[in-house]
Amino acid sequence: MNIAMPTNLAVGYKSPSQRARVVTEGWATEELYCPACSQDRLTPTPPNTRAVDFECRRCLQLYQLKGKSSAFTGKVIDGAYKTMMAALMSDTAPNLLLLHYSVTAWTVANLLLVPAFAFPPSAIERRKPLAETARRAGWVGCFIVLPRIPPEARINLVLDGQIMPPSSVRAQYQRLLPLKQIAAQERGWTLDVLNVARSLNRLEFTNEDMYAHSEVLERLHPENRHVTDKIRQQLQVLRDTGFLTHVGRGRWSLA
């Protein structure tokens, strides 16, 4: 992977947004590989394909690319709220690639992958409907809230200008695959519990440590009135999928 971007593609474009679009898309077409398999190139989808920018011709994985000249930190603007939620529940959402580039040097600063099956519904935040005076009055979009996605599910392909080995990227993707075997309706709980466990900032923790954060999970899942039971269940799921190790009665360790 070469992090230098093809600025020659911007010749003839005056709009900064158009220049950025053709340069980032041109770079991605030449440099992106598939993290899910050994394919060394991704294929651009036909123009105007909704929500999908690239596909892997080998494993058929789909990818959406979002690029901007500032870092992706808190929230990422996405499309229609109902469409995104339906895609998550039906396992038809594309993998997300977030491209942060330097507009002065025209180089890739950071490139982050979130696999499609690693999005908890809690990470999708509903935006306010568009005003009645807007062209699409009443339309409801959404944000992707990155801090609600567990760190394990955020895979760096480029970090602070440093290219991560593709073998390492693919190994991280493979390690997440057990999540894909969990039903989409249940997977959100699994990911949210993992994120809470990560937020404790300790290698080992107890059931009681997790129960102390029950309110967080109650807000994310207001339909469930047995949160502590659900926490215990999901800790076992995380053990079975290799994200946690059971070290003793009511005691756990991050794998």
C-alpha atoms as a PDB file:
ATOM      1  CA  MET A   1       0.000   0.000   0.000  1.00  0.00           C
ATOM      2  CA  ASN A   2       1.219   3.468  -0.944  1.00  0.00           C
ATOM      3  CA  ILE A   3      -0.170   6.295   1.217  1.00  0.00           C
ATOM      4  CA  ALA A   4       0.672   8.996  -1.380  1.00  0.00           C
ATOM      5  CA  MET A   5      -2.498   9.991  -3.211  1.00  0.00           C
ATOM      6  CA  PRO A   6      -2.845  10.607  -6.988  1.00  0.00           C
ATOM      7  CA  THR A   7      -3.243  14.388  -7.074  1.00  0.00           C
ATOM      8  CA  ASN A   8      -3.004  14.398 -10.878  1.00  0.00           C
ATOM      9  CA  LEU A   9      -6.604  13.170 -10.940  1.00  0.00           C
ATOM     10  CA  ALA A  10      -7.749  16.515  -9.526  1.00  0.00           C
ATOM     11  CA  VAL A  11      -6.536  18.491 -12.560  1.00  0.00           C
ATOM     12  CA  GLY A  12      -9.492  20.218 -14.165  1.00  0.00           C
ATOM     13  CA  TYR A  13     -11.625  20.262 -11.008  1.00  0.00           C
ATOM     14  CA  LYS A  14     -12.135  23.587  -9.194  1.00  0.00           C
ATOM     15  CA  SER A  15     -14.419  22.532  -6.350  1.00  0.00           C
ATOM     16  CA  PRO A  16     -12.465  21.333  -3.269  1.00  0.00           C
ATOM     17  CA  SER A  17     -15.072  18.636  -2.639  1.00  0.00           C
ATOM     18  CA  GLN A  18     -14.833  17.347  -6.198  1.00  0.00           C
ATOM     19  CA  ARG A  19     -11.040  17.339  -6.046  1.00  0.00           C
ATOM     20  CA  ALA A  20     -11.119  15.405  -2.801  1.00  0.00           C
ATOM     21  CA  ARG A  21     -13.631  12.914  -4.186  1.00  0.00           C
ATOM     22  CA  VAL A  22     -11.707  12.013  -7.325  1.00  0.00           C
ATOM     23  CA  VAL A  23      -8.369  11.826  -5.495  1.00  0.00           C
ATOM     24  CA  THR A  24      -9.629   9.642  -2.634  1.00  0.00           C
ATOM     25  CA  GLU A  25     -11.611   7.353  -4.947  1.00  0.00           C
ATOM     26  CA  GLY A  26      -8.633   7.066  -7.289  1.00  0.00           C
ATOM     27  CA  TRP A  27      -6.328   6.184  -4.412  1.00  0.00           C
ATOM     28  CA  ALA A  28      -8.754   3.614  -3.023  1.00  0.00           C
ATOM     29  CA  THR A  29      -9.164   1.945  -6.419  1.00  0.00           C
ATOM     30  CA  GLU A  30      -5.406   1.458  -6.733  1.00  0.00           C
ATOM     31  CA  GLU A  31      -4.440   0.725  -3.125  1.00  0.00           C
ATOM     32  CA  LEU A  32      -7.289  -0.901  -1.181  1.00  0.00           C
ATOM     33  CA  TYR A  33      -7.126  -4.641  -0.554  1.00  0.00           C
ATOM     34  CA  CYS A  34      -9.682  -6.960   1.000  1.00  0.00           C
ATOM     35  CA  PRO A  35      -9.163  -7.459   4.756  1.00  0.00           C
ATOM     36  CA  ALA A  36     -11.513 -10.458   4.697  1.00  0.00           C
ATOM     37  CA  CYS A  37      -9.515 -12.592   2.244  1.00  0.00           C
ATOM     38  CA  SER A  38      -6.278 -12.643   0.237  1.00  0.00           C
ATOM     39  CA  GLN A  39      -7.557 -10.478  -2.631  1.00  0.00           C
ATOM     40  CA  ASP A  40      -5.087  -7.622  -3.183  1.00  0.00           C
ATOM     41  CA  ARG A  41      -7.519  -5.237  -4.930  1.00  0.00           C
ATOM     42  CA  LEU A  42     -11.078  -4.098  -4.372  1.00  0.00           C
ATOM     43  CA  THR A  43     -13.329  -3.362  -7.350  1.00  0.00           C
ATOM     44  CA  PRO A  44     -15.313  -0.095  -7.518  1.00  0.00           C
ATOM     45  CA  THR A  45     -19.059  -0.574  -7.762  1.00  0.00           C
ATOM     46  CA  PRO A  46     -21.007   1.054 -10.620  1.00  0.00           C
ATOM     47  CA  PRO A  47     -21.700   4.783 -10.215  1.00  0.00           C
ATOM     48  CA  ASN A  48     -24.670   5.680  -7.983  1.00  0.00           C
ATOM     49  CA  THR A  49     -24.641   2.332  -6.168  1.00  0.00           C
ATOM     50  CA  ARG A  50     -26.243   3.167  -2.823  1.00  0.00           C
ATOM     51  CA  ALA A  51     -24.103   2.779   0.325  1.00  0.00           C
ATOM     52  CA  VAL A  52     -21.529   0.507  -1.366  1.00  0.00           C
ATOM     53  CA  ASP A  53     -18.374   1.842  -3.024  1.00  0.00           C
ATOM     54  CA  PHE A  54     -16.210  -1.267  -3.434  1.00  0.00           C
ATOM     55  CA  GLU A  55     -16.591  -5.018  -3.537  1.00  0.00           C
ATOM     56  CA  CYS A  56     -14.256  -7.979  -3.345  1.00  0.00           C
ATOM     57  CA  ARG A  57     -14.613 -10.212  -6.380  1.00  0.00           C
ATOM     58  CA  ARG A  58     -13.208 -13.175  -4.458  1.00  0.00           C
ATOM     59  CA  CYS A  59     -15.157 -13.289  -1.156  1.00  0.00           C
ATOM     60  CA  LEU A  60     -17.964 -10.897  -2.224  1.00  0.00           C
ATOM     61  CA  GLN A  61     -17.534  -8.614   0.779  1.00  0.00           C
ATOM     62  CA  LEU A  62     -18.933  -5.100   0.296  1.00  0.00           C
ATOM     63  CA  TYR A  63     -17.282  -1.887   1.468  1.00  0.00           C
ATOM     64  CA  GLN A  64     -18.396   1.684   2.001  1.00  0.00           C
ATOM     65  CA  LEU A  65     -15.671   4.340   1.952  1.00  0.00           C
ATOM     66  CA  LYS A  66     -15.976   7.644   3.786  1.00  0.00           C
ATOM     67  CA  GLY A  67     -13.160  10.153   3.563  1.00  0.00           C
ATOM     68  CA  LYS A  68     -12.428  13.536   5.085  1.00  0.00           C
ATOM     69  CA  SER A  69      -9.475  15.782   5.826  1.00  0.00           C
ATOM     70  CA  SER A  70      -9.947  15.724   9.602  1.00  0.00           C
ATOM     71  CA  ALA A  71      -9.764  12.814  12.001  1.00  0.00           C
ATOM     72  CA  PHE A  72     -12.770  10.580  12.635  1.00  0.00           C
ATOM     73  CA  THR A  73     -13.360  10.738  16.373  1.00  0.00           C
ATOM     74  CA  GLY A  74     -16.885  10.884  17.780  1.00  0.00           C
ATOM     75  CA  LYS A  75     -19.692  10.700  15.235  1.00  0.00           C
ATOM     76  CA  VAL A  76     -19.713   9.881  11.525  1.00  0.00           C
ATOM     77  CA  ILE A  77     -22.579  11.123   9.350  1.00  0.00           C
ATOM     78  CA  ASP A  78     -24.315   8.273   7.543  1.00  0.00           C
ATOM     79  CA  GLY A  79     -27.460   7.718   5.475  1.00  0.00           C
ATOM     80  CA  ALA A  80     -31.072   7.027   6.335  1.00  0.00           C
ATOM     81  CA  TYR A  81     -31.638   5.800   9.895  1.00  0.00           C
ATOM     82  CA  LYS A  82     -34.271   3.180   9.064  1.00  0.00           C
ATOM     83  CA  THR A  83     -32.219   1.845   6.151  1.00  0.00           C
ATOM     84  CA  MET A  84     -29.104   1.463   8.273  1.00  0.00           C
ATOM     85  CA  MET A  85     -30.946  -0.260  11.116  1.00  0.00           C
ATOM     86  CA  ALA A  86     -32.675  -2.631   8.700  1.00  0.00           C
ATOM     87  CA  ALA A  87     -29.322  -3.457   7.072  1.00  0.00           C
ATOM     88  CA  LEU A  88     -27.794  -4.289  10.472  1.00  0.00           C
ATOM     89  CA  MET A  89     -30.706  -6.516  11.473  1.00  0.00           C
ATOM     90  CA  SER A  90     -30.616  -8.371   8.141  1.00  0.00           C
ATOM     91  CA  ASP A  91     -26.804  -8.621   7.980  1.00  0.00           C
ATOM     92  CA  THR A  92     -26.689  -6.756   4.670  1.00  0.00           C
ATOM     93  CA  ALA A  93     -24.727  -3.669   5.797  1.00  0.00           C
ATOM     94  CA  PRO A  94     -21.342  -3.120   4.090  1.00  0.00           C
ATOM     95  CA  ASN A  95     -18.029  -3.012   5.899  1.00  0.00           C
ATOM     96  CA  LEU A  96     -17.074   0.581   6.713  1.00  0.00           C
ATOM     97  CA  LEU A  97     -13.742   2.151   5.747  1.00  0.00           C
ATOM     98  CA  LEU A  98     -12.943   5.569   7.239  1.00  0.00           C
ATOM     99  CA  LEU A  99     -10.216   7.420   5.341  1.00  0.00           C
ATOM    100  CA  HIS A 100      -8.568  10.410   7.016  1.00  0.00           C
ATOM    101  CA  TYR A 101      -6.203  12.200   4.642  1.00  0.00           C
ATOM    102  CA  SER A 102      -3.939  15.248   4.699  1.00  0.00           C
ATOM    103  CA  VAL A 103      -5.241  17.816   2.246  1.00  0.00           C
ATOM    104  CA  THR A 104      -1.900  19.657   2.205  1.00  0.00           C
ATOM    105  CA  ALA A 105       0.388  16.672   1.637  1.00  0.00           C
ATOM    106  CA  TRP A 106      -2.301  14.531  -0.051  1.00  0.00           C
ATOM    107  CA  THR A 107      -1.310  11.451   1.880  1.00  0.00           C
ATOM    108  CA  VAL A 108      -3.337   8.976   3.928  1.00  0.00           C
ATOM    109  CA  ALA A 109      -3.054   9.759   7.641  1.00  0.00           C
ATOM    110  CA  ASN A 110      -5.383   7.059   8.976  1.00  0.00           C
ATOM    111  CA  LEU A 111      -7.520   4.308   7.510  1.00  0.00           C
ATOM    112  CA  LEU A 112      -9.918   2.478   9.824  1.00  0.00           C
ATOM    113  CA  LEU A 113     -12.080  -0.567   9.124  1.00  0.00           C
ATOM    114  CA  VAL A 114     -15.228  -1.529  11.026  1.00  0.00           C
ATOM    115  CA  PRO A 115     -16.552  -4.924   9.845  1.00  0.00           C
ATOM    116  CA  ALA A 116     -20.249  -4.965   9.001  1.00  0.00           C
ATOM    117  CA  PHE A 117     -21.019  -7.567  11.670  1.00  0.00           C
ATOM    118  CA  ALA A 118     -19.274  -5.555  14.415  1.00  0.00           C
ATOM    119  CA  PHE A 119     -21.746  -2.647  14.506  1.00  0.00           C
ATOM    120  CA  PRO A 120     -23.974  -2.716  17.589  1.00  0.00           C
ATOM    121  CA  PRO A 121     -27.321  -1.019  16.887  1.00  0.00           C
ATOM    122  CA  SER A 122     -26.508   1.247  19.836  1.00  0.00           C
ATOM    123  CA  ALA A 123     -23.797   2.820  17.655  1.00  0.00           C
ATOM    124  CA  ILE A 124     -26.440   4.093  15.227  1.00  0.00           C
ATOM    125  CA  GLU A 125     -27.893   7.362  16.481  1.00  0.00           C
ATOM    126  CA  ARG A 126     -31.023   8.860  14.968  1.00  0.00           C
ATOM    127  CA  ARG A 127     -30.711  12.418  13.686  1.00  0.00           C
ATOM    128  CA  LYS A 128     -33.449  15.037  13.746  1.00  0.00           C
ATOM    129  CA  PRO A 129     -35.803  14.987  10.734  1.00  0.00           C
ATOM    130  CA  LEU A 130     -35.068  17.543   8.048  1.00  0.00           C
ATOM    131  CA  ALA A 131     -37.077  20.740   8.313  1.00  0.00           C
ATOM    132  CA  GLU A 132     -40.282  21.180   6.331  1.00  0.00           C
ATOM    133  CA  THR A 133     -38.506  23.741   4.176  1.00  0.00           C
ATOM    134  CA  ALA A 134     -35.823  21.227   3.121  1.00  0.00           C
ATOM    135  CA  ARG A 135     -35.949  19.502  -0.253  1.00  0.00           C
ATOM    136  CA  ARG A 136     -36.312  16.135   1.520  1.00  0.00           C
ATOM    137  CA  ALA A 137     -38.559  17.380   4.311  1.00  0.00           C
ATOM    138  CA  GLY A 138     -38.977  14.892   7.134  1.00  0.00           C
ATOM    139  CA  TRP A 139     -36.085  12.656   6.034  1.00  0.00           C
ATOM    140  CA  VAL A 140     -34.264  11.100   9.003  1.00  0.00           C
ATOM    141  CA  GLY A 141     -30.566  10.377   8.804  1.00  0.00           C
ATOM    142  CA  CYS A 142     -28.201   8.883  11.335  1.00  0.00           C
ATOM    143  CA  PHE A 143     -24.789   9.129  12.943  1.00  0.00           C
ATOM    144  CA  ILE A 144     -22.376   6.250  13.530  1.00  0.00           C
ATOM    145  CA  VAL A 145     -21.078   6.775  17.075  1.00  0.00           C
ATOM    146  CA  LEU A 146     -17.547   5.371  17.006  1.00  0.00           C
ATOM    147  CA  PRO A 147     -16.964   5.184  20.807  1.00  0.00           C
ATOM    148  CA  ARG A 148     -19.875   2.723  21.033  1.00  0.00           C
ATOM    149  CA  ILE A 149     -17.994   0.266  18.826  1.00  0.00           C
ATOM    150  CA  PRO A 150     -15.589  -1.937  20.839  1.00  0.00           C
ATOM    151  CA  PRO A 151     -11.882  -1.263  20.190  1.00  0.00           C
ATOM    152  CA  GLU A 152     -11.455  -4.840  18.918  1.00  0.00           C
ATOM    153  CA  ALA A 153     -13.899  -4.049  16.114  1.00  0.00           C
ATOM    154  CA  ARG A 154     -11.972  -0.987  14.925  1.00  0.00           C
ATOM    155  CA  ILE A 155      -9.134  -2.271  12.772  1.00  0.00           C
ATOM    156  CA  ASN A 156      -6.373   0.106  11.658  1.00  0.00           C
ATOM    157  CA  LEU A 157      -5.034  -0.324   8.131  1.00  0.00           C
ATOM    158  CA  VAL A 158      -3.055   2.914   8.420  1.00  0.00           C
ATOM    159  CA  LEU A 159      -2.343   4.565  11.771  1.00  0.00           C
ATOM    160  CA  ASP A 160      -0.729   8.006  11.979  1.00  0.00           C
ATOM    161  CA  GLY A 161       0.822   7.523   8.556  1.00  0.00           C
ATOM    162  CA  GLN A 162       2.160   4.042   9.362  1.00  0.00           C
ATOM    163  CA  ILE A 163       0.940   1.189   7.171  1.00  0.00           C
ATOM    164  CA  MET A 164      -0.178  -1.886   9.102  1.00  0.00           C
ATOM    165  CA  PRO A 165       0.897  -5.249   7.627  1.00  0.00           C
ATOM    166  CA  PRO A 166      -2.018  -6.778   5.668  1.00  0.00           C
ATOM    167  CA  SER A 167      -1.375 -10.088   7.453  1.00  0.00           C
ATOM    168  CA  SER A 168      -2.022  -8.371  10.794  1.00  0.00           C
ATOM    169  CA  VAL A 169      -5.155  -6.641   9.492  1.00  0.00           C
ATOM    170  CA  ARG A 170      -6.532  -9.915   8.138  1.00  0.00           C
ATOM    171  CA  ALA A 171      -5.716 -11.742  11.373  1.00  0.00           C
ATOM    172  CA  GLN A 172      -7.709  -9.146  13.342  1.00  0.00           C
ATOM    173  CA  TYR A 173     -10.635  -9.509  10.939  1.00  0.00           C
ATOM    174  CA  GLN A 174     -10.576 -13.293  11.285  1.00  0.00           C
ATOM    175  CA  ARG A 175     -10.517 -13.013  15.059  1.00  0.00           C
ATOM    176  CA  LEU A 176     -13.803 -11.087  14.916  1.00  0.00           C
ATOM    177  CA  LEU A 177     -15.578 -13.645  12.739  1.00  0.00           C
ATOM    178  CA  PRO A 178     -17.149 -15.560  15.679  1.00  0.00           C
ATOM    179  CA  LEU A 179     -19.337 -12.480  16.175  1.00  0.00           C
ATOM    180  CA  LYS A 180     -20.838 -13.118  12.758  1.00  0.00           C
ATOM    181  CA  GLN A 181     -22.233 -16.437  13.986  1.00  0.00           C
ATOM    182  CA  ILE A 182     -24.338 -14.670  16.630  1.00  0.00           C
ATOM    183  CA  ALA A 183     -27.839 -13.723  15.495  1.00  0.00           C
ATOM    184  CA  ALA A 184     -28.011 -10.058  14.526  1.00  0.00           C
ATOM    185  CA  GLN A 185     -30.759  -9.377  17.089  1.00  0.00           C
ATOM    186  CA  GLU A 186     -28.515 -10.683  19.886  1.00  0.00           C
ATOM    187  CA  ARG A 187     -25.150  -9.428  18.656  1.00  0.00           C
ATOM    188  CA  GLY A 188     -25.795  -5.863  19.773  1.00  0.00           C
ATOM    189  CA  TRP A 189     -25.915  -7.010  23.381  1.00  0.00           C
ATOM    190  CA  THR A 190     -22.670  -8.940  22.959  1.00  0.00           C
ATOM    191  CA  LEU A 191     -20.855  -5.939  21.528  1.00  0.00           C
ATOM    192  CA  ASP A 192     -22.245  -3.523  24.096  1.00  0.00           C
ATOM    193  CA  VAL A 193     -21.176  -5.761  27.002  1.00  0.00           C
ATOM    194  CA  LEU A 194     -17.720  -6.112  25.453  1.00  0.00           C
ATOM    195  CA  ASN A 195     -17.483  -2.335  25.142  1.00  0.00           C
ATOM    196  CA  VAL A 196     -18.420  -1.890  28.813  1.00  0.00           C
ATOM    197  CA  ALA A 197     -15.808  -4.482  29.805  1.00  0.00           C
ATOM    198  CA  ARG A 198     -13.219  -2.555  27.797  1.00  0.00           C
ATOM    199  CA  SER A 199     -14.238   0.718  29.450  1.00  0.00           C
ATOM    200  CA  LEU A 200     -13.221  -0.678  32.854  1.00  0.00           C
ATOM    201  CA  ASN A 201      -9.580  -0.223  31.773  1.00  0.00           C
ATOM    202  CA  ARG A 202      -8.328  -3.298  33.572  1.00  0.00           C
ATOM    203  CA  LEU A 203      -7.173  -6.718  32.427  1.00  0.00           C
ATOM    204  CA  GLU A 204      -9.250  -8.630  35.007  1.00  0.00           C
ATOM    205  CA  PHE A 205     -12.678  -7.730  36.351  1.00  0.00           C
ATOM    206  CA  THR A 206     -15.660  -9.247  38.159  1.00  0.00           C
ATOM    207  CA  ASN A 207     -19.385  -9.601  37.601  1.00  0.00           C
ATOM    208  CA  GLU A 208     -19.877  -6.865  40.199  1.00  0.00           C
ATOM    209  CA  ASP A 209     -17.660  -4.514  38.209  1.00  0.00           C
ATOM    210  CA  MET A 210     -19.965  -5.027  35.233  1.00  0.00           C
ATOM    211  CA  TYR A 211     -23.155  -4.715  37.294  1.00  0.00           C
ATOM    212  CA  ALA A 212     -21.923  -1.282  38.430  1.00  0.00           C
ATOM    213  CA  HIS A 213     -22.382  -0.186  34.811  1.00  0.00           C
ATOM    214  CA  SER A 214     -25.872  -1.650  34.427  1.00  0.00           C
ATOM    215  CA  GLU A 215     -27.368   1.798  33.885  1.00  0.00           C
ATOM    216  CA  VAL A 216     -25.305   2.234  30.723  1.00  0.00           C
ATOM    217  CA  LEU A 217     -26.723  -0.974  29.273  1.00  0.00           C
ATOM    218  CA  GLU A 218     -30.233  -0.153  30.490  1.00  0.00           C
ATOM    219  CA  ARG A 219     -30.142   3.073  28.478  1.00  0.00           C
ATOM    220  CA  LEU A 220     -28.969   1.206  25.381  1.00  0.00           C
ATOM    221  CA  HIS A 221     -31.538  -1.589  25.823  1.00  0.00           C
ATOM    222  CA  PRO A 222     -34.590  -0.089  27.564  1.00  0.00           C
ATOM    223  CA  GLU A 223     -36.764  -3.028  26.483  1.00  0.00           C
ATOM    224  CA  ASN A 224     -34.847  -5.450  28.746  1.00  0.00           C
ATOM    225  CA  ARG A 225     -35.757  -5.482  32.454  1.00  0.00           C
ATOM    226  CA  HIS A 226     -33.289  -8.191  33.487  1.00  0.00           C
ATOM    227  CA  VAL A 227     -30.013  -6.467  32.715  1.00  0.00           C
ATOM    228  CA  THR A 228     -27.820  -8.257  35.269  1.00  0.00           C
ATOM    229  CA  ASP A 229     -28.995 -11.653  33.968  1.00  0.00           C
ATOM    230  CA  LYS A 230     -28.241 -10.493  30.440  1.00  0.00           C
ATOM    231  CA  ILE A 231     -24.772  -9.305  31.457  1.00  0.00           C
ATOM    232  CA  ARG A 232     -23.938 -12.739  32.906  1.00  0.00           C
ATOM    233  CA  GLN A 233     -25.222 -14.419  29.759  1.00  0.00           C
ATOM    234  CA  GLN A 234     -23.207 -12.190  27.448  1.00  0.00           C
ATOM    235  CA  LEU A 235     -20.022 -12.624  29.475  1.00  0.00           C
ATOM    236  CA  GLN A 236     -20.363 -16.344  28.762  1.00  0.00           C
ATOM    237  CA  VAL A 237     -20.939 -15.633  25.069  1.00  0.00           C
ATOM    238  CA  LEU A 238     -17.779 -13.502  25.012  1.00  0.00           C
ATOM    239  CA  ARG A 239     -15.913 -16.359  26.682  1.00  0.00           C
ATOM    240  CA  ASP A 240     -17.177 -18.839  24.082  1.00  0.00           C
ATOM    241  CA  THR A 241     -16.191 -16.540  21.218  1.00  0.00           C
ATOM    242  CA  GLY A 242     -12.677 -15.995  22.575  1.00  0.00           C
ATOM    243  CA  PHE A 243     -12.899 -12.384  23.719  1.00  0.00           C
ATOM    244  CA  LEU A 244     -12.850 -13.189  27.440  1.00  0.00           C
ATOM    245  CA  THR A 245     -11.275 -15.840  29.652  1.00  0.00           C
ATOM    246  CA  HIS A 246     -13.085 -17.150  32.727  1.00  0.00           C
ATOM    247  CA  VAL A 247     -10.469 -17.093  35.514  1.00  0.00           C
ATOM    248  CA  GLY A 248     -12.670 -17.983  38.493  1.00  0.00           C
ATOM    249  CA  ARG A 249     -16.134 -17.698  39.987  1.00  0.00           C
ATOM    250  CA  GLY A 250     -17.504 -14.362  38.758  1.00  0.00           C
ATOM    251  CA  ARG A 251     -14.053 -13.283  37.540  1.00  0.00           C
ATOM    252  CA  TRP A 252     -13.007 -12.604  33.951  1.00  0.00           C
ATOM    253  CA  SER A 253      -9.972 -11.572  31.955  1.00  0.00           C
ATOM    254  CA  LEU A 254      -9.782  -9.825  28.589  1.00  0.00           C
ATOM    255  CA  ALA A 255      -8.257 -12.148  26.017  1.00  0.00           C
END
